[in-house]
Amino acid sequence: MPSRSRYDLSIILRENWSDLKEDLDGKIRISVGTSDNLFLNRSVELLEKEMKSLNVNIKFDYFLWRPFYFIYRRL
């Protein structure tokens, strides 16, 4: 497994959810803009799909037409 996989939130949650559930269930919120030049929203969409398949309670927010650095600022 490549060393960067230890930083992959999807892998960490998937492999350790039974241990983490009591502390984290319903307490994670991930917010992302849909118009950033890094396409971070696509990664978040994949994470959301995987977490839903595991029945993990994470709040996902997508801000239309916002880049990642303007999520909470008015344009």
PDB file of N, CA and C in Angstrom:
ATOM      1  N   MET A   1       0.842  -1.172   0.000  1.00  0.00           N
ATOM      2  CA  MET A   1       0.000   0.000   0.000  1.00  0.00           C
ATOM      3  C   MET A   1       0.894   1.245   0.000  1.00  0.00           C
ATOM      4  N   PRO A   2       0.663   2.182  -0.914  1.00  0.00           N
ATOM      5  CA  PRO A   2       1.493   3.394  -0.953  1.00  0.00           C
ATOM      6  C   PRO A   2       1.386   4.178   0.349  1.00  0.00           C
ATOM      7  N   SER A   3       2.450   4.885   0.693  1.00  0.00           N
ATOM      8  CA  SER A   3       2.483   5.611   1.957  1.00  0.00           C
ATOM      9  C   SER A   3       1.399   6.684   2.041  1.00  0.00           C
ATOM     10  N   ARG A   4       0.978   7.237   0.903  1.00  0.00           N
ATOM     11  CA  ARG A   4      -0.054   8.277   0.949  1.00  0.00           C
ATOM     12  C   ARG A   4      -1.413   7.721   1.349  1.00  0.00           C
ATOM     13  N   SER A   5      -1.605   6.431   1.258  1.00  0.00           N
ATOM     14  CA  SER A   5      -2.901   5.850   1.610  1.00  0.00           C
ATOM     15  C   SER A   5      -3.200   6.016   3.102  1.00  0.00           C
ATOM     16  N   ARG A   6      -2.177   6.215   3.924  1.00  0.00           N
ATOM     17  CA  ARG A   6      -2.432   6.411   5.353  1.00  0.00           C
ATOM     18  C   ARG A   6      -3.112   7.750   5.626  1.00  0.00           C
ATOM     19  N   TYR A   7      -3.133   8.633   4.615  1.00  0.00           N
ATOM     20  CA  TYR A   7      -3.802   9.928   4.735  1.00  0.00           C
ATOM     21  C   TYR A   7      -5.170   9.949   4.052  1.00  0.00           C
ATOM     22  N   ASP A   8      -5.552   8.844   3.455  1.00  0.00           N
ATOM     23  CA  ASP A   8      -6.816   8.760   2.722  1.00  0.00           C
ATOM     24  C   ASP A   8      -7.962   8.572   3.709  1.00  0.00           C
ATOM     25  N   LEU A   9      -8.767   9.611   3.850  1.00  0.00           N
ATOM     26  CA  LEU A   9      -9.863   9.585   4.818  1.00  0.00           C
ATOM     27  C   LEU A   9     -10.836   8.442   4.545  1.00  0.00           C
ATOM     28  N   SER A  10     -11.078   8.151   3.293  1.00  0.00           N
ATOM     29  CA  SER A  10     -11.987   7.077   2.932  1.00  0.00           C
ATOM     30  C   SER A  10     -11.479   5.724   3.452  1.00  0.00           C
ATOM     31  N   ILE A  11     -10.215   5.459   3.265  1.00  0.00           N
ATOM     32  CA  ILE A  11      -9.624   4.200   3.735  1.00  0.00           C
ATOM     33  C   ILE A  11      -9.645   4.136   5.259  1.00  0.00           C
ATOM     34  N   ILE A  12      -9.258   5.234   5.897  1.00  0.00           N
ATOM     35  CA  ILE A  12      -9.221   5.260   7.360  1.00  0.00           C
ATOM     36  C   ILE A  12     -10.608   4.993   7.939  1.00  0.00           C
ATOM     37  N   LEU A  13     -11.617   5.677   7.421  1.00  0.00           N
ATOM     38  CA  LEU A  13     -12.973   5.484   7.930  1.00  0.00           C
ATOM     39  C   LEU A  13     -13.505   4.095   7.617  1.00  0.00           C
ATOM     40  N   ARG A  14     -13.280   3.626   6.411  1.00  0.00           N
ATOM     41  CA  ARG A  14     -13.787   2.310   6.007  1.00  0.00           C
ATOM     42  C   ARG A  14     -13.176   1.196   6.867  1.00  0.00           C
ATOM     43  N   GLU A  15     -11.881   1.256   7.071  1.00  0.00           N
ATOM     44  CA  GLU A  15     -11.199   0.168   7.772  1.00  0.00           C
ATOM     45  C   GLU A  15     -11.331   0.246   9.292  1.00  0.00           C
ATOM     46  N   ASN A  16     -11.665   1.421   9.819  1.00  0.00           N
ATOM     47  CA  ASN A  16     -11.691   1.581  11.271  1.00  0.00           C
ATOM     48  C   ASN A  16     -13.039   2.056  11.811  1.00  0.00           C
ATOM     49  N   TRP A  17     -14.085   2.033  10.977  1.00  0.00           N
ATOM     50  CA  TRP A  17     -15.350   2.616  11.391  1.00  0.00           C
ATOM     51  C   TRP A  17     -15.922   1.951  12.630  1.00  0.00           C
ATOM     52  N   SER A  18     -15.779   0.673  12.776  1.00  0.00           N
ATOM     53  CA  SER A  18     -16.343   0.014  13.962  1.00  0.00           C
ATOM     54  C   SER A  18     -15.732   0.564  15.245  1.00  0.00           C
ATOM     55  N   ASP A  19     -14.465   0.959  15.212  1.00  0.00           N
ATOM     56  CA  ASP A  19     -13.810   1.550  16.380  1.00  0.00           C
ATOM     57  C   ASP A  19     -14.112   3.038  16.528  1.00  0.00           C
ATOM     58  N   LEU A  20     -14.325   3.727  15.408  1.00  0.00           N
ATOM     59  CA  LEU A  20     -14.501   5.175  15.415  1.00  0.00           C
ATOM     60  C   LEU A  20     -15.960   5.624  15.550  1.00  0.00           C
ATOM     61  N   LYS A  21     -16.878   4.727  15.261  1.00  0.00           N
ATOM     62  CA  LYS A  21     -18.292   5.097  15.175  1.00  0.00           C
ATOM     63  C   LYS A  21     -18.802   5.793  16.431  1.00  0.00           C
ATOM     64  N   GLU A  22     -18.519   5.264  17.582  1.00  0.00           N
ATOM     65  CA  GLU A  22     -19.042   5.827  18.821  1.00  0.00           C
ATOM     66  C   GLU A  22     -18.592   7.278  19.013  1.00  0.00           C
ATOM     67  N   ASP A  23     -17.361   7.581  18.635  1.00  0.00           N
ATOM     68  CA  ASP A  23     -16.830   8.932  18.823  1.00  0.00           C
ATOM     69  C   ASP A  23     -17.182   9.891  17.690  1.00  0.00           C
ATOM     70  N   LEU A  24     -17.350   9.384  16.458  1.00  0.00           N
ATOM     71  CA  LEU A  24     -17.463  10.265  15.300  1.00  0.00           C
ATOM     72  C   LEU A  24     -18.809  10.285  14.592  1.00  0.00           C
ATOM     73  N   ASP A  25     -19.653   9.316  14.822  1.00  0.00           N
ATOM     74  CA  ASP A  25     -20.903   9.236  14.075  1.00  0.00           C
ATOM     75  C   ASP A  25     -21.749  10.486  14.305  1.00  0.00           C
ATOM     76  N   GLY A  26     -22.081  11.169  13.219  1.00  0.00           N
ATOM     77  CA  GLY A  26     -22.883  12.375  13.276  1.00  0.00           C
ATOM     78  C   GLY A  26     -22.110  13.631  13.623  1.00  0.00           C
ATOM     79  N   LYS A  27     -20.803  13.529  13.774  1.00  0.00           N
ATOM     80  CA  LYS A  27     -19.999  14.684  14.189  1.00  0.00           C
ATOM     81  C   LYS A  27     -19.074  15.213  13.094  1.00  0.00           C
ATOM     82  N   ILE A  28     -19.095  14.599  11.922  1.00  0.00           N
ATOM     83  CA  ILE A  28     -18.228  15.030  10.826  1.00  0.00           C
ATOM     84  C   ILE A  28     -19.055  15.795   9.809  1.00  0.00           C
ATOM     85  N   ARG A  29     -18.544  16.941   9.396  1.00  0.00           N
ATOM     86  CA  ARG A  29     -19.186  17.737   8.354  1.00  0.00           C
ATOM     87  C   ARG A  29     -18.117  18.097   7.319  1.00  0.00           C
ATOM     88  N   ILE A  30     -18.397  17.800   6.056  1.00  0.00           N
ATOM     89  CA  ILE A  30     -17.466  18.105   4.976  1.00  0.00           C
ATOM     90  C   ILE A  30     -18.151  19.055   4.011  1.00  0.00           C
ATOM     91  N   SER A  31     -17.528  20.208   3.793  1.00  0.00           N
ATOM     92  CA  SER A  31     -18.079  21.238   2.906  1.00  0.00           C
ATOM     93  C   SER A  31     -17.108  21.469   1.763  1.00  0.00           C
ATOM     94  N   VAL A  32     -17.666  21.632   0.566  1.00  0.00           N
ATOM     95  CA  VAL A  32     -16.819  21.827  -0.610  1.00  0.00           C
ATOM     96  C   VAL A  32     -17.564  22.672  -1.637  1.00  0.00           C
ATOM     97  N   GLY A  33     -16.817  23.491  -2.350  1.00  0.00           N
ATOM     98  CA  GLY A  33     -17.394  24.240  -3.460  1.00  0.00           C
ATOM     99  C   GLY A  33     -17.397  23.373  -4.707  1.00  0.00           C
ATOM    100  N   THR A  34     -18.289  23.677  -5.629  1.00  0.00           N
ATOM    101  CA  THR A  34     -18.390  22.857  -6.851  1.00  0.00           C
ATOM    102  C   THR A  34     -17.629  23.446  -8.028  1.00  0.00           C
ATOM    103  N   SER A  35     -16.957  24.576  -7.834  1.00  0.00           N
ATOM    104  CA  SER A  35     -16.286  25.233  -8.964  1.00  0.00           C
ATOM    105  C   SER A  35     -14.824  25.551  -8.683  1.00  0.00           C
ATOM    106  N   ASP A  36     -14.134  24.670  -7.988  1.00  0.00           N
ATOM    107  CA  ASP A  36     -12.725  24.961  -7.777  1.00  0.00           C
ATOM    108  C   ASP A  36     -11.890  24.314  -8.879  1.00  0.00           C
ATOM    109  N   ASN A  37     -10.705  24.835  -9.084  1.00  0.00           N
ATOM    110  CA  ASN A  37      -9.856  24.333 -10.171  1.00  0.00           C
ATOM    111  C   ASN A  37      -9.124  23.046  -9.803  1.00  0.00           C
ATOM    112  N   LEU A  38      -9.288  22.556  -8.585  1.00  0.00           N
ATOM    113  CA  LEU A  38      -8.675  21.298  -8.169  1.00  0.00           C
ATOM    114  C   LEU A  38      -9.671  20.132  -8.222  1.00  0.00           C
ATOM    115  N   PHE A  39     -10.925  20.417  -8.519  1.00  0.00           N
ATOM    116  CA  PHE A  39     -11.988  19.405  -8.613  1.00  0.00           C
ATOM    117  C   PHE A  39     -12.132  18.608  -7.317  1.00  0.00           C
ATOM    118  N   LEU A  40     -11.968  19.280  -6.176  1.00  0.00           N
ATOM    119  CA  LEU A  40     -12.084  18.608  -4.889  1.00  0.00           C
ATOM    120  C   LEU A  40     -13.474  18.032  -4.671  1.00  0.00           C
ATOM    121  N   ASN A  41     -14.473  18.652  -5.270  1.00  0.00           N
ATOM    122  CA  ASN A  41     -15.835  18.165  -5.093  1.00  0.00           C
ATOM    123  C   ASN A  41     -16.008  16.741  -5.619  1.00  0.00           C
ATOM    124  N   ARG A  42     -15.248  16.369  -6.616  1.00  0.00           N
ATOM    125  CA  ARG A  42     -15.369  15.001  -7.141  1.00  0.00           C
ATOM    126  C   ARG A  42     -14.881  13.976  -6.129  1.00  0.00           C
ATOM    127  N   SER A  43     -13.810  14.291  -5.438  1.00  0.00           N
ATOM    128  CA  SER A  43     -13.318  13.394  -4.392  1.00  0.00           C
ATOM    129  C   SER A  43     -14.310  13.303  -3.245  1.00  0.00           C
ATOM    130  N   VAL A  44     -14.910  14.419  -2.901  1.00  0.00           N
ATOM    131  CA  VAL A  44     -15.898  14.438  -1.822  1.00  0.00           C
ATOM    132  C   VAL A  44     -17.125  13.626  -2.225  1.00  0.00           C
ATOM    133  N   GLU A  45     -17.525  13.718  -3.477  1.00  0.00           N
ATOM    134  CA  GLU A  45     -18.665  12.921  -3.953  1.00  0.00           C
ATOM    135  C   GLU A  45     -18.371  11.423  -3.835  1.00  0.00           C
ATOM    136  N   LEU A  46     -17.152  11.015  -4.152  1.00  0.00           N
ATOM    137  CA  LEU A  46     -16.772   9.602  -4.014  1.00  0.00           C
ATOM    138  C   LEU A  46     -16.789   9.176  -2.549  1.00  0.00           C
ATOM    139  N   LEU A  47     -16.281  10.043  -1.681  1.00  0.00           N
ATOM    140  CA  LEU A  47     -16.294   9.741  -0.248  1.00  0.00           C
ATOM    141  C   LEU A  47     -17.733   9.627   0.251  1.00  0.00           C
ATOM    142  N   GLU A  48     -18.592  10.544  -0.174  1.00  0.00           N
ATOM    143  CA  GLU A  48     -19.991  10.492   0.249  1.00  0.00           C
ATOM    144  C   GLU A  48     -20.654   9.181  -0.184  1.00  0.00           C
ATOM    145  N   LYS A  49     -20.416   8.769  -1.398  1.00  0.00           N
ATOM    146  CA  LYS A  49     -20.996   7.518  -1.898  1.00  0.00           C
ATOM    147  C   LYS A  49     -20.528   6.326  -1.063  1.00  0.00           C
ATOM    148  N   GLU A  50     -19.240   6.297  -0.764  1.00  0.00           N
ATOM    149  CA  GLU A  50     -18.709   5.187   0.026  1.00  0.00           C
ATOM    150  C   GLU A  50     -19.261   5.207   1.451  1.00  0.00           C
ATOM    151  N   MET A  51     -19.351   6.376   2.046  1.00  0.00           N
ATOM    152  CA  MET A  51     -19.850   6.468   3.420  1.00  0.00           C
ATOM    153  C   MET A  51     -21.330   6.104   3.496  1.00  0.00           C
ATOM    154  N   LYS A  52     -22.097   6.461   2.479  1.00  0.00           N
ATOM    155  CA  LYS A  52     -23.513   6.065   2.452  1.00  0.00           C
ATOM    156  C   LYS A  52     -23.652   4.548   2.358  1.00  0.00           C
ATOM    157  N   SER A  53     -22.760   3.904   1.600  1.00  0.00           N
ATOM    158  CA  SER A  53     -22.824   2.445   1.474  1.00  0.00           C
ATOM    159  C   SER A  53     -22.504   1.755   2.801  1.00  0.00           C
ATOM    160  N   LEU A  54     -21.762   2.443   3.675  1.00  0.00           N
ATOM    161  CA  LEU A  54     -21.431   1.907   5.000  1.00  0.00           C
ATOM    162  C   LEU A  54     -22.394   2.398   6.083  1.00  0.00           C
ATOM    163  N   ASN A  55     -23.377   3.214   5.676  1.00  0.00           N
ATOM    164  CA  ASN A  55     -24.359   3.784   6.595  1.00  0.00           C
ATOM    165  C   ASN A  55     -23.700   4.661   7.669  1.00  0.00           C
ATOM    166  N   VAL A  56     -22.706   5.434   7.235  1.00  0.00           N
ATOM    167  CA  VAL A  56     -21.998   6.356   8.121  1.00  0.00           C
ATOM    168  C   VAL A  56     -22.711   7.708   8.085  1.00  0.00           C
ATOM    169  N   ASN A  57     -22.951   8.290   9.242  1.00  0.00           N
ATOM    170  CA  ASN A  57     -23.663   9.556   9.338  1.00  0.00           C
ATOM    171  C   ASN A  57     -22.676  10.719   9.265  1.00  0.00           C
ATOM    172  N   ILE A  58     -22.395  11.193   8.060  1.00  0.00           N
ATOM    173  CA  ILE A  58     -21.532  12.352   7.820  1.00  0.00           C
ATOM    174  C   ILE A  58     -22.359  13.364   7.033  1.00  0.00           C
ATOM    175  N   LYS A  59     -22.245  14.624   7.398  1.00  0.00           N
ATOM    176  CA  LYS A  59     -22.952  15.706   6.692  1.00  0.00           C
ATOM    177  C   LYS A  59     -22.064  16.208   5.557  1.00  0.00           C
ATOM    178  N   PHE A  60     -22.577  16.185   4.340  1.00  0.00           N
ATOM    179  CA  PHE A  60     -21.862  16.687   3.171  1.00  0.00           C
ATOM    180  C   PHE A  60     -22.601  17.909   2.638  1.00  0.00           C
ATOM    181  N   ASP A  61     -21.874  19.004   2.468  1.00  0.00           N
ATOM    182  CA  ASP A  61     -22.438  20.234   1.917  1.00  0.00           C
ATOM    183  C   ASP A  61     -21.690  20.608   0.649  1.00  0.00           C
ATOM    184  N   TYR A  62     -22.444  20.889  -0.408  1.00  0.00           N
ATOM    185  CA  TYR A  62     -21.862  21.315  -1.687  1.00  0.00           C
ATOM    186  C   TYR A  62     -22.360  22.726  -1.983  1.00  0.00           C
ATOM    187  N   PHE A  63     -21.429  23.655  -2.166  1.00  0.00           N
ATOM    188  CA  PHE A  63     -21.773  25.040  -2.445  1.00  0.00           C
ATOM    189  C   PHE A  63     -21.590  25.308  -3.930  1.00  0.00           C
ATOM    190  N   LEU A  64     -22.710  25.526  -4.611  1.00  0.00           N
ATOM    191  CA  LEU A  64     -22.692  25.705  -6.066  1.00  0.00           C
ATOM    192  C   LEU A  64     -21.913  26.947  -6.467  1.00  0.00           C
ATOM    193  N   TRP A  65     -21.122  26.774  -7.494  1.00  0.00           N
ATOM    194  CA  TRP A  65     -20.371  27.858  -8.120  1.00  0.00           C
ATOM    195  C   TRP A  65     -19.362  28.513  -7.184  1.00  0.00           C
ATOM    196  N   ARG A  66     -18.933  27.810  -6.173  1.00  0.00           N
ATOM    197  CA  ARG A  66     -17.942  28.360  -5.250  1.00  0.00           C
ATOM    198  C   ARG A  66     -16.636  27.570  -5.359  1.00  0.00           C
ATOM    199  N   PRO A  67     -15.511  28.263  -5.438  1.00  0.00           N
ATOM    200  CA  PRO A  67     -14.226  27.565  -5.344  1.00  0.00           C
ATOM    201  C   PRO A  67     -13.977  27.184  -3.888  1.00  0.00           C
ATOM    202  N   PHE A  68     -13.002  26.337  -3.643  1.00  0.00           N
ATOM    203  CA  PHE A  68     -12.796  25.826  -2.290  1.00  0.00           C
ATOM    204  C   PHE A  68     -12.453  26.913  -1.279  1.00  0.00           C
ATOM    205  N   TYR A  69     -11.886  28.015  -1.705  1.00  0.00           N
ATOM    206  CA  TYR A  69     -11.473  29.052  -0.763  1.00  0.00           C
ATOM    207  C   TYR A  69     -12.538  30.136  -0.553  1.00  0.00           C
ATOM    208  N   PHE A  70     -13.710  30.013  -1.168  1.00  0.00           N
ATOM    209  CA  PHE A  70     -14.791  30.979  -0.998  1.00  0.00           C
ATOM    210  C   PHE A  70     -16.080  30.334  -0.491  1.00  0.00           C
ATOM    211  N   ILE A  71     -15.985  29.260   0.225  1.00  0.00           N
ATOM    212  CA  ILE A  71     -17.173  28.541   0.662  1.00  0.00           C
ATOM    213  C   ILE A  71     -18.049  29.408   1.563  1.00  0.00           C
ATOM    214  N   TYR A  72     -17.449  30.091   2.516  1.00  0.00           N
ATOM    215  CA  TYR A  72     -18.234  30.852   3.486  1.00  0.00           C
ATOM    216  C   TYR A  72     -18.135  32.358   3.282  1.00  0.00           C
ATOM    217  N   ARG A  73     -17.685  32.790   2.148  1.00  0.00           N
ATOM    218  CA  ARG A  73     -17.620  34.221   1.849  1.00  0.00           C
ATOM    219  C   ARG A  73     -18.590  34.544   0.741  1.00  0.00           C
ATOM    220  N   ARG A  74     -19.172  35.703   0.800  1.00  0.00           N
ATOM    221  CA  ARG A  74     -20.049  36.128  -0.286  1.00  0.00           C
ATOM    222  C   ARG A  74     -19.200  36.530  -1.470  1.00  0.00           C
ATOM    223  N   LEU A  75     -19.635  36.131  -2.641  1.00  0.00           N
ATOM    224  CA  LEU A  75     -18.900  36.503  -3.860  1.00  0.00           C
ATOM    225  C   LEU A  75     -19.364  37.833  -4.377  1.00  0.00           C
TER     226      LEU A  75
END
